[in-house]
Amino acid sequence: MHETAVASQLVDLVLQQIAGRIGRVSEVKIRVGVWSGIAAEALASAYPAAAQGLLDGSKLSIEPSELSVWCETCQTQRELGRGKRLVCPVCGGRTPRILSGKELELVSIEMNHDSPNS
């Protein structure tokens, strides 16, 4: 399952981003495209094991990104949702230019900054 490796790489990226900051990570938000090849459920399941240690207890929130393409015929962006074919739902023309839906992006990292006396 390559989602385990992706979860490990995500934890490494978060640790790089928070280096030198004080506080604990409470939530990691990512965006996963429907055409990214990542199974969001499997990634969510793999995350807690990968997060053990400095990110232990943090929550992974996954925002899906639907498939969006550019239709040359209509000269506009079209949403294909979870479509398997790159065809404009309006004119039926081919839409090989993918605008979104293949990404795996770190959106945000939320941290708790508890004071030492609390």
PDB file of N, CA and C in Angstrom:
ATOM      1  N   MET A   1       0.864  -1.177   0.000  1.00  0.00           N
ATOM      2  CA  MET A   1       0.000   0.000   0.000  1.00  0.00           C
ATOM      3  C   MET A   1       0.902   1.229   0.000  1.00  0.00           C
ATOM      4  N   HIS A   2       0.908   1.982  -1.073  1.00  0.00           N
ATOM      5  CA  HIS A   2       1.797   3.143  -1.169  1.00  0.00           C
ATOM      6  C   HIS A   2       1.297   4.316  -0.335  1.00  0.00           C
ATOM      7  N   GLU A   3       0.076   4.267   0.176  1.00  0.00           N
ATOM      8  CA  GLU A   3      -0.428   5.338   1.034  1.00  0.00           C
ATOM      9  C   GLU A   3       0.364   5.413   2.343  1.00  0.00           C
ATOM     10  N   THR A   4       0.929   4.294   2.784  1.00  0.00           N
ATOM     11  CA  THR A   4       1.770   4.294   3.983  1.00  0.00           C
ATOM     12  C   THR A   4       3.020   5.146   3.735  1.00  0.00           C
ATOM     13  N   ALA A   5       3.624   4.989   2.574  1.00  0.00           N
ATOM     14  CA  ALA A   5       4.797   5.800   2.214  1.00  0.00           C
ATOM     15  C   ALA A   5       4.405   7.264   2.059  1.00  0.00           C
ATOM     16  N   VAL A   6       3.244   7.528   1.482  1.00  0.00           N
ATOM     17  CA  VAL A   6       2.771   8.905   1.322  1.00  0.00           C
ATOM     18  C   VAL A   6       2.534   9.539   2.686  1.00  0.00           C
ATOM     19  N   ALA A   7       1.944   8.799   3.618  1.00  0.00           N
ATOM     20  CA  ALA A   7       1.709   9.313   4.971  1.00  0.00           C
ATOM     21  C   ALA A   7       3.030   9.655   5.652  1.00  0.00           C
ATOM     22  N   SER A   8       4.026   8.810   5.480  1.00  0.00           N
ATOM     23  CA  SER A   8       5.352   9.058   6.053  1.00  0.00           C
ATOM     24  C   SER A   8       5.988  10.307   5.447  1.00  0.00           C
ATOM     25  N   GLN A   9       5.870  10.470   4.134  1.00  0.00           N
ATOM     26  CA  GLN A   9       6.410  11.659   3.472  1.00  0.00           C
ATOM     27  C   GLN A   9       5.666  12.919   3.896  1.00  0.00           C
ATOM     28  N   LEU A  10       4.364  12.797   4.114  1.00  0.00           N
ATOM     29  CA  LEU A  10       3.567  13.929   4.585  1.00  0.00           C
ATOM     30  C   LEU A  10       4.029  14.358   5.972  1.00  0.00           C
ATOM     31  N   VAL A  11       4.264  13.414   6.854  1.00  0.00           N
ATOM     32  CA  VAL A  11       4.751  13.726   8.203  1.00  0.00           C
ATOM     33  C   VAL A  11       6.112  14.415   8.111  1.00  0.00           C
ATOM     34  N   ASP A  12       6.990  13.913   7.257  1.00  0.00           N
ATOM     35  CA  ASP A  12       8.306  14.550   7.074  1.00  0.00           C
ATOM     36  C   ASP A  12       8.155  15.997   6.608  1.00  0.00           C
ATOM     37  N   LEU A  13       7.244  16.238   5.667  1.00  0.00           N
ATOM     38  CA  LEU A  13       7.004  17.583   5.154  1.00  0.00           C
ATOM     39  C   LEU A  13       6.480  18.504   6.256  1.00  0.00           C
ATOM     40  N   VAL A  14       5.544  18.015   7.039  1.00  0.00           N
ATOM     41  CA  VAL A  14       4.999  18.820   8.141  1.00  0.00           C
ATOM     42  C   VAL A  14       6.095  19.155   9.139  1.00  0.00           C
ATOM     43  N   LEU A  15       6.925  18.183   9.480  1.00  0.00           N
ATOM     44  CA  LEU A  15       8.016  18.429  10.424  1.00  0.00           C
ATOM     45  C   LEU A  15       8.997  19.471   9.886  1.00  0.00           C
ATOM     46  N   GLN A  16       9.251  19.453   8.588  1.00  0.00           N
ATOM     47  CA  GLN A  16      10.112  20.474   7.979  1.00  0.00           C
ATOM     48  C   GLN A  16       9.469  21.857   8.102  1.00  0.00           C
ATOM     49  N   GLN A  17       8.163  21.921   7.870  1.00  0.00           N
ATOM     50  CA  GLN A  17       7.452  23.195   7.879  1.00  0.00           C
ATOM     51  C   GLN A  17       7.374  23.807   9.287  1.00  0.00           C
ATOM     52  N   ILE A  18       7.335  22.969  10.316  1.00  0.00           N
ATOM     53  CA  ILE A  18       7.185  23.491  11.682  1.00  0.00           C
ATOM     54  C   ILE A  18       8.509  23.572  12.434  1.00  0.00           C
ATOM     55  N   ALA A  19       9.602  23.246  11.792  1.00  0.00           N
ATOM     56  CA  ALA A  19      10.910  23.251  12.450  1.00  0.00           C
ATOM     57  C   ALA A  19      11.153  24.589  13.147  1.00  0.00           C
ATOM     58  N   GLY A  20      11.514  24.522  14.422  1.00  0.00           N
ATOM     59  CA  GLY A  20      11.827  25.717  15.196  1.00  0.00           C
ATOM     60  C   GLY A  20      10.619  26.399  15.823  1.00  0.00           C
ATOM     61  N   ARG A  21       9.445  25.908  15.547  1.00  0.00           N
ATOM     62  CA  ARG A  21       8.236  26.516  16.123  1.00  0.00           C
ATOM     63  C   ARG A  21       7.875  25.813  17.421  1.00  0.00           C
ATOM     64  N   ILE A  22       7.272  26.575  18.308  1.00  0.00           N
ATOM     65  CA  ILE A  22       6.868  26.036  19.607  1.00  0.00           C
ATOM     66  C   ILE A  22       5.387  25.701  19.542  1.00  0.00           C
ATOM     67  N   GLY A  23       5.046  24.534  20.031  1.00  0.00           N
ATOM     68  CA  GLY A  23       3.662  24.095  20.058  1.00  0.00           C
ATOM     69  C   GLY A  23       3.537  22.698  19.470  1.00  0.00           C
ATOM     70  N   ARG A  24       2.336  22.165  19.548  1.00  0.00           N
ATOM     71  CA  ARG A  24       2.063  20.830  19.010  1.00  0.00           C
ATOM     72  C   ARG A  24       1.097  20.949  17.839  1.00  0.00           C
ATOM     73  N   VAL A  25       1.319  20.148  16.850  1.00  0.00           N
ATOM     74  CA  VAL A  25       0.425  20.115  15.699  1.00  0.00           C
ATOM     75  C   VAL A  25      -0.878  19.446  16.121  1.00  0.00           C
ATOM     76  N   SER A  26      -1.990  20.154  15.874  1.00  0.00           N
ATOM     77  CA  SER A  26      -3.293  19.584  16.209  1.00  0.00           C
ATOM     78  C   SER A  26      -4.005  19.039  14.970  1.00  0.00           C
ATOM     79  N   GLU A  27      -3.739  19.664  13.818  1.00  0.00           N
ATOM     80  CA  GLU A  27      -4.418  19.221  12.594  1.00  0.00           C
ATOM     81  C   GLU A  27      -3.568  19.515  11.368  1.00  0.00           C
ATOM     82  N   VAL A  28      -3.573  18.567  10.453  1.00  0.00           N
ATOM     83  CA  VAL A  28      -2.909  18.710   9.161  1.00  0.00           C
ATOM     84  C   VAL A  28      -4.007  18.590   8.109  1.00  0.00           C
ATOM     85  N   LYS A  29      -4.107  19.619   7.259  1.00  0.00           N
ATOM     86  CA  LYS A  29      -5.120  19.607   6.201  1.00  0.00           C
ATOM     87  C   LYS A  29      -4.433  19.442   4.858  1.00  0.00           C
ATOM     88  N   ILE A  30      -4.959  18.514   4.072  1.00  0.00           N
ATOM     89  CA  ILE A  30      -4.423  18.276   2.739  1.00  0.00           C
ATOM     90  C   ILE A  30      -5.564  18.257   1.717  1.00  0.00           C
ATOM     91  N   ARG A  31      -5.195  18.429   0.453  1.00  0.00           N
ATOM     92  CA  ARG A  31      -6.148  18.339  -0.659  1.00  0.00           C
ATOM     93  C   ARG A  31      -5.670  17.182  -1.532  1.00  0.00           C
ATOM     94  N   VAL A  32      -6.591  16.263  -1.821  1.00  0.00           N
ATOM     95  CA  VAL A  32      -6.265  15.084  -2.619  1.00  0.00           C
ATOM     96  C   VAL A  32      -7.190  15.021  -3.831  1.00  0.00           C
ATOM     97  N   GLY A  33      -6.605  15.059  -5.008  1.00  0.00           N
ATOM     98  CA  GLY A  33      -7.379  14.979  -6.242  1.00  0.00           C
ATOM     99  C   GLY A  33      -7.880  13.580  -6.513  1.00  0.00           C
ATOM    100  N   VAL A  34      -9.049  13.503  -7.126  1.00  0.00           N
ATOM    101  CA  VAL A  34      -9.654  12.201  -7.426  1.00  0.00           C
ATOM    102  C   VAL A  34      -8.827  11.407  -8.438  1.00  0.00           C
ATOM    103  N   TRP A  35      -7.980  12.089  -9.197  1.00  0.00           N
ATOM    104  CA  TRP A  35      -7.110  11.420 -10.166  1.00  0.00           C
ATOM    105  C   TRP A  35      -5.665  11.349  -9.675  1.00  0.00           C
ATOM    106  N   SER A  36      -5.419  11.558  -8.403  1.00  0.00           N
ATOM    107  CA  SER A  36      -4.061  11.562  -7.866  1.00  0.00           C
ATOM    108  C   SER A  36      -3.468  10.167  -7.707  1.00  0.00           C
ATOM    109  N   GLY A  37      -4.325   9.164  -7.695  1.00  0.00           N
ATOM    110  CA  GLY A  37      -3.848   7.807  -7.453  1.00  0.00           C
ATOM    111  C   GLY A  37      -3.754   7.482  -5.967  1.00  0.00           C
ATOM    112  N   ILE A  38      -4.183   8.406  -5.122  1.00  0.00           N
ATOM    113  CA  ILE A  38      -4.150   8.215  -3.671  1.00  0.00           C
ATOM    114  C   ILE A  38      -5.546   7.835  -3.185  1.00  0.00           C
ATOM    115  N   ALA A  39      -5.646   6.756  -2.446  1.00  0.00           N
ATOM    116  CA  ALA A  39      -6.907   6.366  -1.819  1.00  0.00           C
ATOM    117  C   ALA A  39      -6.991   7.116  -0.485  1.00  0.00           C
ATOM    118  N   ALA A  40      -7.872   8.102  -0.422  1.00  0.00           N
ATOM    119  CA  ALA A  40      -7.968   8.964   0.755  1.00  0.00           C
ATOM    120  C   ALA A  40      -8.223   8.164   2.030  1.00  0.00           C
ATOM    121  N   GLU A  41      -9.066   7.154   1.952  1.00  0.00           N
ATOM    122  CA  GLU A  41      -9.380   6.349   3.137  1.00  0.00           C
ATOM    123  C   GLU A  41      -8.142   5.598   3.638  1.00  0.00           C
ATOM    124  N   ALA A  42      -7.369   5.063   2.703  1.00  0.00           N
ATOM    125  CA  ALA A  42      -6.147   4.343   3.072  1.00  0.00           C
ATOM    126  C   ALA A  42      -5.110   5.299   3.655  1.00  0.00           C
ATOM    127  N   LEU A  43      -5.018   6.500   3.100  1.00  0.00           N
ATOM    128  CA  LEU A  43      -4.090   7.501   3.624  1.00  0.00           C
ATOM    129  C   LEU A  43      -4.494   7.909   5.039  1.00  0.00           C
ATOM    130  N   ALA A  44      -5.777   8.116   5.252  1.00  0.00           N
ATOM    131  CA  ALA A  44      -6.274   8.472   6.586  1.00  0.00           C
ATOM    132  C   ALA A  44      -5.981   7.367   7.589  1.00  0.00           C
ATOM    133  N   SER A  45      -6.071   6.117   7.160  1.00  0.00           N
ATOM    134  CA  SER A  45      -5.778   4.987   8.047  1.00  0.00           C
ATOM    135  C   SER A  45      -4.290   4.869   8.350  1.00  0.00           C
ATOM    136  N   ALA A  46      -3.442   5.216   7.380  1.00  0.00           N
ATOM    137  CA  ALA A  46      -1.996   5.097   7.551  1.00  0.00           C
ATOM    138  C   ALA A  46      -1.405   6.247   8.358  1.00  0.00           C
ATOM    139  N   TYR A  47      -2.091   7.377   8.387  1.00  0.00           N
ATOM    140  CA  TYR A  47      -1.542   8.580   9.023  1.00  0.00           C
ATOM    141  C   TYR A  47      -1.223   8.422  10.517  1.00  0.00           C
ATOM    142  N   PRO A  48      -2.106   7.877  11.353  1.00  0.00           N
ATOM    143  CA  PRO A  48      -1.790   7.808  12.788  1.00  0.00           C
ATOM    144  C   PRO A  48      -0.476   7.081  13.100  1.00  0.00           C
ATOM    145  N   ALA A  49      -0.189   6.002  12.403  1.00  0.00           N
ATOM    146  CA  ALA A  49       1.066   5.279  12.635  1.00  0.00           C
ATOM    147  C   ALA A  49       2.262   6.120  12.193  1.00  0.00           C
ATOM    148  N   ALA A  50       2.123   6.802  11.054  1.00  0.00           N
ATOM    149  CA  ALA A  50       3.218   7.643  10.554  1.00  0.00           C
ATOM    150  C   ALA A  50       3.443   8.849  11.457  1.00  0.00           C
ATOM    151  N   ALA A  51       2.377   9.319  12.107  1.00  0.00           N
ATOM    152  CA  ALA A  51       2.444  10.533  12.928  1.00  0.00           C
ATOM    153  C   ALA A  51       2.949  10.279  14.347  1.00  0.00           C
ATOM    154  N   GLN A  52       3.191   9.029  14.709  1.00  0.00           N
ATOM    155  CA  GLN A  52       3.677   8.743  16.065  1.00  0.00           C
ATOM    156  C   GLN A  52       4.951   9.520  16.329  1.00  0.00           C
ATOM    157  N   GLY A  53       5.033  10.050  17.539  1.00  0.00           N
ATOM    158  CA  GLY A  53       6.192  10.860  17.898  1.00  0.00           C
ATOM    159  C   GLY A  53       5.793  12.310  17.975  1.00  0.00           C
ATOM    160  N   LEU A  54       6.451  13.161  17.197  1.00  0.00           N
ATOM    161  CA  LEU A  54       6.215  14.602  17.276  1.00  0.00           C
ATOM    162  C   LEU A  54       4.829  15.043  16.808  1.00  0.00           C
ATOM    163  N   LEU A  55       4.164  14.247  15.981  1.00  0.00           N
ATOM    164  CA  LEU A  55       2.831  14.609  15.502  1.00  0.00           C
ATOM    165  C   LEU A  55       1.742  13.730  16.113  1.00  0.00           C
ATOM    166  N   ASP A  56       2.126  12.971  17.134  1.00  0.00           N
ATOM    167  CA  ASP A  56       1.180  12.060  17.779  1.00  0.00           C
ATOM    168  C   ASP A  56      -0.068  12.810  18.242  1.00  0.00           C
ATOM    169  N   GLY A  57      -1.217  12.271  17.898  1.00  0.00           N
ATOM    170  CA  GLY A  57      -2.480  12.873  18.309  1.00  0.00           C
ATOM    171  C   GLY A  57      -3.015  13.904  17.344  1.00  0.00           C
ATOM    172  N   SER A  58      -2.252  14.248  16.323  1.00  0.00           N
ATOM    173  CA  SER A  58      -2.749  15.234  15.353  1.00  0.00           C
ATOM    174  C   SER A  58      -3.784  14.574  14.446  1.00  0.00           C
ATOM    175  N   LYS A  59      -4.685  15.397  13.944  1.00  0.00           N
ATOM    176  CA  LYS A  59      -5.765  14.937  13.082  1.00  0.00           C
ATOM    177  C   LYS A  59      -5.402  15.232  11.631  1.00  0.00           C
ATOM    178  N   LEU A  60      -5.707  14.298  10.740  1.00  0.00           N
ATOM    179  CA  LEU A  60      -5.523  14.518   9.307  1.00  0.00           C
ATOM    180  C   LEU A  60      -6.887  14.800   8.695  1.00  0.00           C
ATOM    181  N   SER A  61      -7.035  15.975   8.083  1.00  0.00           N
ATOM    182  CA  SER A  61      -8.264  16.330   7.374  1.00  0.00           C
ATOM    183  C   SER A  61      -7.971  16.310   5.876  1.00  0.00           C
ATOM    184  N   ILE A  62      -8.800  15.593   5.145  1.00  0.00           N
ATOM    185  CA  ILE A  62      -8.590  15.442   3.705  1.00  0.00           C
ATOM    186  C   ILE A  62      -9.732  16.108   2.951  1.00  0.00           C
ATOM    187  N   GLU A  63      -9.356  17.075   2.131  1.00  0.00           N
ATOM    188  CA  GLU A  63     -10.323  17.782   1.276  1.00  0.00           C
ATOM    189  C   GLU A  63     -10.199  17.191  -0.126  1.00  0.00           C
ATOM    190  N   PRO A  64     -11.283  16.633  -0.659  1.00  0.00           N
ATOM    191  CA  PRO A  64     -11.200  16.088  -2.012  1.00  0.00           C
ATOM    192  C   PRO A  64     -11.189  17.195  -3.067  1.00  0.00           C
ATOM    193  N   SER A  65     -10.492  16.943  -4.147  1.00  0.00           N
ATOM    194  CA  SER A  65     -10.452  17.874  -5.270  1.00  0.00           C
ATOM    195  C   SER A  65     -10.988  17.132  -6.496  1.00  0.00           C
ATOM    196  N   GLU A  66     -12.119  17.595  -6.988  1.00  0.00           N
ATOM    197  CA  GLU A  66     -12.755  16.952  -8.136  1.00  0.00           C
ATOM    198  C   GLU A  66     -11.974  17.228  -9.416  1.00  0.00           C
ATOM    199  N   LEU A  67     -12.271  16.479 -10.434  1.00  0.00           N
ATOM    200  CA  LEU A  67     -11.596  16.608 -11.715  1.00  0.00           C
ATOM    201  C   LEU A  67     -12.162  17.797 -12.481  1.00  0.00           C
ATOM    202  N   SER A  68     -11.290  18.721 -12.830  1.00  0.00           N
ATOM    203  CA  SER A  68     -11.654  19.923 -13.578  1.00  0.00           C
ATOM    204  C   SER A  68     -10.774  19.994 -14.822  1.00  0.00           C
ATOM    205  N   VAL A  69     -11.396  20.261 -15.962  1.00  0.00           N
ATOM    206  CA  VAL A  69     -10.674  20.278 -17.231  1.00  0.00           C
ATOM    207  C   VAL A  69     -11.005  21.539 -18.026  1.00  0.00           C
ATOM    208  N   TRP A  70     -10.213  21.802 -19.055  1.00  0.00           N
ATOM    209  CA  TRP A  70     -10.478  22.914 -19.969  1.00  0.00           C
ATOM    210  C   TRP A  70     -11.021  22.333 -21.272  1.00  0.00           C
ATOM    211  N   CYS A  71     -12.198  22.793 -21.669  1.00  0.00           N
ATOM    212  CA  CYS A  71     -12.790  22.361 -22.937  1.00  0.00           C
ATOM    213  C   CYS A  71     -12.415  23.367 -24.011  1.00  0.00           C
ATOM    214  N   GLU A  72     -11.637  22.919 -24.986  1.00  0.00           N
ATOM    215  CA  GLU A  72     -11.220  23.789 -26.087  1.00  0.00           C
ATOM    216  C   GLU A  72     -12.414  24.209 -26.941  1.00  0.00           C
ATOM    217  N   THR A  73     -13.358  23.325 -27.125  1.00  0.00           N
ATOM    218  CA  THR A  73     -14.517  23.624 -27.961  1.00  0.00           C
ATOM    219  C   THR A  73     -15.390  24.706 -27.330  1.00  0.00           C
ATOM    220  N   CYS A  74     -15.711  24.538 -26.049  1.00  0.00           N
ATOM    221  CA  CYS A  74     -16.562  25.501 -25.333  1.00  0.00           C
ATOM    222  C   CYS A  74     -15.780  26.720 -24.843  1.00  0.00           C
ATOM    223  N   GLN A  75     -14.442  26.590 -24.807  1.00  0.00           N
ATOM    224  CA  GLN A  75     -13.561  27.643 -24.285  1.00  0.00           C
ATOM    225  C   GLN A  75     -13.916  27.995 -22.836  1.00  0.00           C
ATOM    226  N   THR A  76     -14.085  26.944 -22.031  1.00  0.00           N
ATOM    227  CA  THR A  76     -14.406  27.147 -20.623  1.00  0.00           C
ATOM    228  C   THR A  76     -13.961  25.946 -19.785  1.00  0.00           C
ATOM    229  N   GLN A  77     -13.875  26.171 -18.494  1.00  0.00           N
ATOM    230  CA  GLN A  77     -13.531  25.123 -17.540  1.00  0.00           C
ATOM    231  C   GLN A  77     -14.778  24.293 -17.260  1.00  0.00           C
ATOM    232  N   ARG A  78     -14.603  22.991 -17.190  1.00  0.00           N
ATOM    233  CA  ARG A  78     -15.712  22.069 -16.899  1.00  0.00           C
ATOM    234  C   ARG A  78     -15.324  21.154 -15.742  1.00  0.00           C
ATOM    235  N   GLU A  79     -16.287  20.893 -14.886  1.00  0.00           N
ATOM    236  CA  GLU A  79     -16.095  19.963 -13.778  1.00  0.00           C
ATOM    237  C   GLU A  79     -16.567  18.586 -14.223  1.00  0.00           C
ATOM    238  N   LEU A  80     -15.716  17.595 -14.066  1.00  0.00           N
ATOM    239  CA  LEU A  80     -16.080  16.231 -14.436  1.00  0.00           C
ATOM    240  C   LEU A  80     -16.357  15.375 -13.213  1.00  0.00           C
ATOM    241  N   GLY A  81     -16.221  15.960 -12.025  1.00  0.00           N
ATOM    242  CA  GLY A  81     -16.456  15.186 -10.805  1.00  0.00           C
ATOM    243  C   GLY A  81     -15.477  14.046 -10.698  1.00  0.00           C
ATOM    244  N   ARG A  82     -15.999  12.871 -10.583  1.00  0.00           N
ATOM    245  CA  ARG A  82     -15.167  11.670 -10.482  1.00  0.00           C
ATOM    246  C   ARG A  82     -15.141  10.910 -11.801  1.00  0.00           C
ATOM    247  N   GLY A  83     -15.397  11.632 -12.883  1.00  0.00           N
ATOM    248  CA  GLY A  83     -15.469  11.023 -14.210  1.00  0.00           C
ATOM    249  C   GLY A  83     -14.224  10.250 -14.589  1.00  0.00           C
ATOM    250  N   LYS A  84     -14.412   9.229 -15.362  1.00  0.00           N
ATOM    251  CA  LYS A  84     -13.308   8.387 -15.833  1.00  0.00           C
ATOM    252  C   LYS A  84     -12.851   8.799 -17.227  1.00  0.00           C
ATOM    253  N   ARG A  85     -13.678   9.585 -17.921  1.00  0.00           N
ATOM    254  CA  ARG A  85     -13.356   9.979 -19.286  1.00  0.00           C
ATOM    255  C   ARG A  85     -13.157  11.482 -19.355  1.00  0.00           C
ATOM    256  N   LEU A  86     -12.176  11.886 -20.137  1.00  0.00           N
ATOM    257  CA  LEU A  86     -11.888  13.309 -20.319  1.00  0.00           C
ATOM    258  C   LEU A  86     -12.701  13.847 -21.488  1.00  0.00           C
ATOM    259  N   VAL A  87     -14.015  13.959 -21.257  1.00  0.00           N
ATOM    260  CA  VAL A  87     -14.954  14.407 -22.282  1.00  0.00           C
ATOM    261  C   VAL A  87     -15.836  15.482 -21.662  1.00  0.00           C
ATOM    262  N   CYS A  88     -16.020  16.580 -22.383  1.00  0.00           N
ATOM    263  CA  CYS A  88     -16.860  17.676 -21.908  1.00  0.00           C
ATOM    264  C   CYS A  88     -18.304  17.193 -21.737  1.00  0.00           C
ATOM    265  N   PRO A  89     -18.882  17.439 -20.552  1.00  0.00           N
ATOM    266  CA  PRO A  89     -20.255  17.002 -20.328  1.00  0.00           C
ATOM    267  C   PRO A  89     -21.281  17.832 -21.108  1.00  0.00           C
ATOM    268  N   VAL A  90     -20.877  18.959 -21.682  1.00  0.00           N
ATOM    269  CA  VAL A  90     -21.797  19.823 -22.418  1.00  0.00           C
ATOM    270  C   VAL A  90     -21.759  19.534 -23.919  1.00  0.00           C
ATOM    271  N   CYS A  91     -20.560  19.594 -24.509  1.00  0.00           N
ATOM    272  CA  CYS A  91     -20.457  19.440 -25.966  1.00  0.00           C
ATOM    273  C   CYS A  91     -19.987  18.059 -26.404  1.00  0.00           C
ATOM    274  N   GLY A  92     -19.448  17.280 -25.482  1.00  0.00           N
ATOM    275  CA  GLY A  92     -18.957  15.943 -25.819  1.00  0.00           C
ATOM    276  C   GLY A  92     -17.558  15.926 -26.403  1.00  0.00           C
ATOM    277  N   GLY A  93     -16.921  17.099 -26.495  1.00  0.00           N
ATOM    278  CA  GLY A  93     -15.568  17.182 -27.042  1.00  0.00           C
ATOM    279  C   GLY A  93     -14.523  16.651 -26.067  1.00  0.00           C
ATOM    280  N   ARG A  94     -13.374  16.255 -26.618  1.00  0.00           N
ATOM    281  CA  ARG A  94     -12.267  15.779 -25.789  1.00  0.00           C
ATOM    282  C   ARG A  94     -11.716  16.933 -24.961  1.00  0.00           C
ATOM    283  N   THR A  95     -11.311  16.634 -23.729  1.00  0.00           N
ATOM    284  CA  THR A  95     -10.781  17.656 -22.813  1.00  0.00           C
ATOM    285  C   THR A  95      -9.503  17.141 -22.148  1.00  0.00           C
ATOM    286  N   PRO A  96      -8.412  17.031 -22.904  1.00  0.00           N
ATOM    287  CA  PRO A  96      -7.190  16.451 -22.337  1.00  0.00           C
ATOM    288  C   PRO A  96      -6.444  17.368 -21.361  1.00  0.00           C
ATOM    289  N   ARG A  97      -6.790  18.648 -21.291  1.00  0.00           N
ATOM    290  CA  ARG A  97      -6.071  19.579 -20.404  1.00  0.00           C
ATOM    291  C   ARG A  97      -6.713  19.572 -19.015  1.00  0.00           C
ATOM    292  N   ILE A  98      -6.057  18.899 -18.074  1.00  0.00           N
ATOM    293  CA  ILE A  98      -6.551  18.781 -16.705  1.00  0.00           C
ATOM    294  C   ILE A  98      -6.101  19.997 -15.902  1.00  0.00           C
ATOM    295  N   LEU A  99      -7.050  20.669 -15.267  1.00  0.00           N
ATOM    296  CA  LEU A  99      -6.753  21.845 -14.449  1.00  0.00           C
ATOM    297  C   LEU A  99      -6.600  21.490 -12.976  1.00  0.00           C
ATOM    298  N   SER A 100      -7.381  20.548 -12.497  1.00  0.00           N
ATOM    299  CA  SER A 100      -7.257  20.077 -11.116  1.00  0.00           C
ATOM    300  C   SER A 100      -7.839  18.679 -11.022  1.00  0.00           C
ATOM    301  N   GLY A 101      -7.449  18.006  -9.932  1.00  0.00           N
ATOM    302  CA  GLY A 101      -7.939  16.657  -9.707  1.00  0.00           C
ATOM    303  C   GLY A 101      -6.824  15.633  -9.607  1.00  0.00           C
ATOM    304  N   LYS A 102      -5.578  16.070  -9.881  1.00  0.00           N
ATOM    305  CA  LYS A 102      -4.436  15.160  -9.789  1.00  0.00           C
ATOM    306  C   LYS A 102      -3.520  15.515  -8.617  1.00  0.00           C
ATOM    307  N   GLU A 103      -3.891  16.555  -7.860  1.00  0.00           N
ATOM    308  CA  GLU A 103      -2.979  17.083  -6.854  1.00  0.00           C
ATOM    309  C   GLU A 103      -3.018  16.319  -5.527  1.00  0.00           C
ATOM    310  N   LEU A 104      -1.922  16.473  -4.818  1.00  0.00           N
ATOM    311  CA  LEU A 104      -1.790  16.071  -3.417  1.00  0.00           C
ATOM    312  C   LEU A 104      -1.056  17.237  -2.780  1.00  0.00           C
ATOM    313  N   GLU A 105      -1.798  18.097  -2.071  1.00  0.00           N
ATOM    314  CA  GLU A 105      -1.234  19.346  -1.556  1.00  0.00           C
ATOM    315  C   GLU A 105      -1.416  19.462  -0.052  1.00  0.00           C
ATOM    316  N   LEU A 106      -0.403  19.997   0.593  1.00  0.00           N
ATOM    317  CA  LEU A 106      -0.512  20.381   1.990  1.00  0.00           C
ATOM    318  C   LEU A 106      -1.202  21.737   2.025  1.00  0.00           C
ATOM    319  N   VAL A 107      -2.376  21.811   2.625  1.00  0.00           N
ATOM    320  CA  VAL A 107      -3.170  23.040   2.652  1.00  0.00           C
ATOM    321  C   VAL A 107      -2.810  23.883   3.867  1.00  0.00           C
ATOM    322  N   SER A 108      -2.790  23.262   5.054  1.00  0.00           N
ATOM    323  CA  SER A 108      -2.470  24.022   6.268  1.00  0.00           C
ATOM    324  C   SER A 108      -2.057  23.084   7.396  1.00  0.00           C
ATOM    325  N   ILE A 109      -1.392  23.702   8.371  1.00  0.00           N
ATOM    326  CA  ILE A 109      -0.977  23.002   9.597  1.00  0.00           C
ATOM    327  C   ILE A 109      -1.486  23.850  10.751  1.00  0.00           C
ATOM    328  N   GLU A 110      -2.310  23.258  11.594  1.00  0.00           N
ATOM    329  CA  GLU A 110      -2.797  23.979  12.769  1.00  0.00           C
ATOM    330  C   GLU A 110      -2.038  23.506  13.989  1.00  0.00           C
ATOM    331  N   MET A 111      -1.633  24.494  14.810  1.00  0.00           N
ATOM    332  CA  MET A 111      -0.850  24.170  15.999  1.00  0.00           C
ATOM    333  C   MET A 111      -1.511  24.739  17.237  1.00  0.00           C
ATOM    334  N   ASN A 112      -1.333  24.018  18.337  1.00  0.00           N
ATOM    335  CA  ASN A 112      -1.744  24.529  19.653  1.00  0.00           C
ATOM    336  C   ASN A 112      -0.522  25.157  20.282  1.00  0.00           C
ATOM    337  N   HIS A 113      -0.690  26.370  20.769  1.00  0.00           N
ATOM    338  CA  HIS A 113       0.410  27.079  21.398  1.00  0.00           C
ATOM    339  C   HIS A 113       0.079  27.256  22.875  1.00  0.00           C
ATOM    340  N   ASP A 114       0.034  26.152  23.587  1.00  0.00           N
ATOM    341  CA  ASP A 114      -0.290  26.185  25.018  1.00  0.00           C
ATOM    342  C   ASP A 114       0.834  26.822  25.799  1.00  0.00           C
ATOM    343  N   SER A 115       0.451  27.667  26.739  1.00  0.00           N
ATOM    344  CA  SER A 115       1.474  28.278  27.591  1.00  0.00           C
ATOM    345  C   SER A 115       1.959  27.254  28.599  1.00  0.00           C
ATOM    346  N   PRO A 116       3.202  27.378  29.070  1.00  0.00           N
ATOM    347  CA  PRO A 116       3.756  26.382  29.982  1.00  0.00           C
ATOM    348  C   PRO A 116       3.034  26.336  31.326  1.00  0.00           C
ATOM    349  N   ASN A 117       2.314  27.392  31.694  1.00  0.00           N
ATOM    350  CA  ASN A 117       1.630  27.424  32.988  1.00  0.00           C
ATOM    351  C   ASN A 117       0.177  26.966  32.918  1.00  0.00           C
ATOM    352  N   SER A 118      -0.290  26.523  31.770  1.00  0.00           N
ATOM    353  CA  SER A 118      -1.695  26.121  31.691  1.00  0.00           C
ATOM    354  C   SER A 118      -1.901  24.655  31.953  1.00  0.00           C
TER     355      SER A 118
END
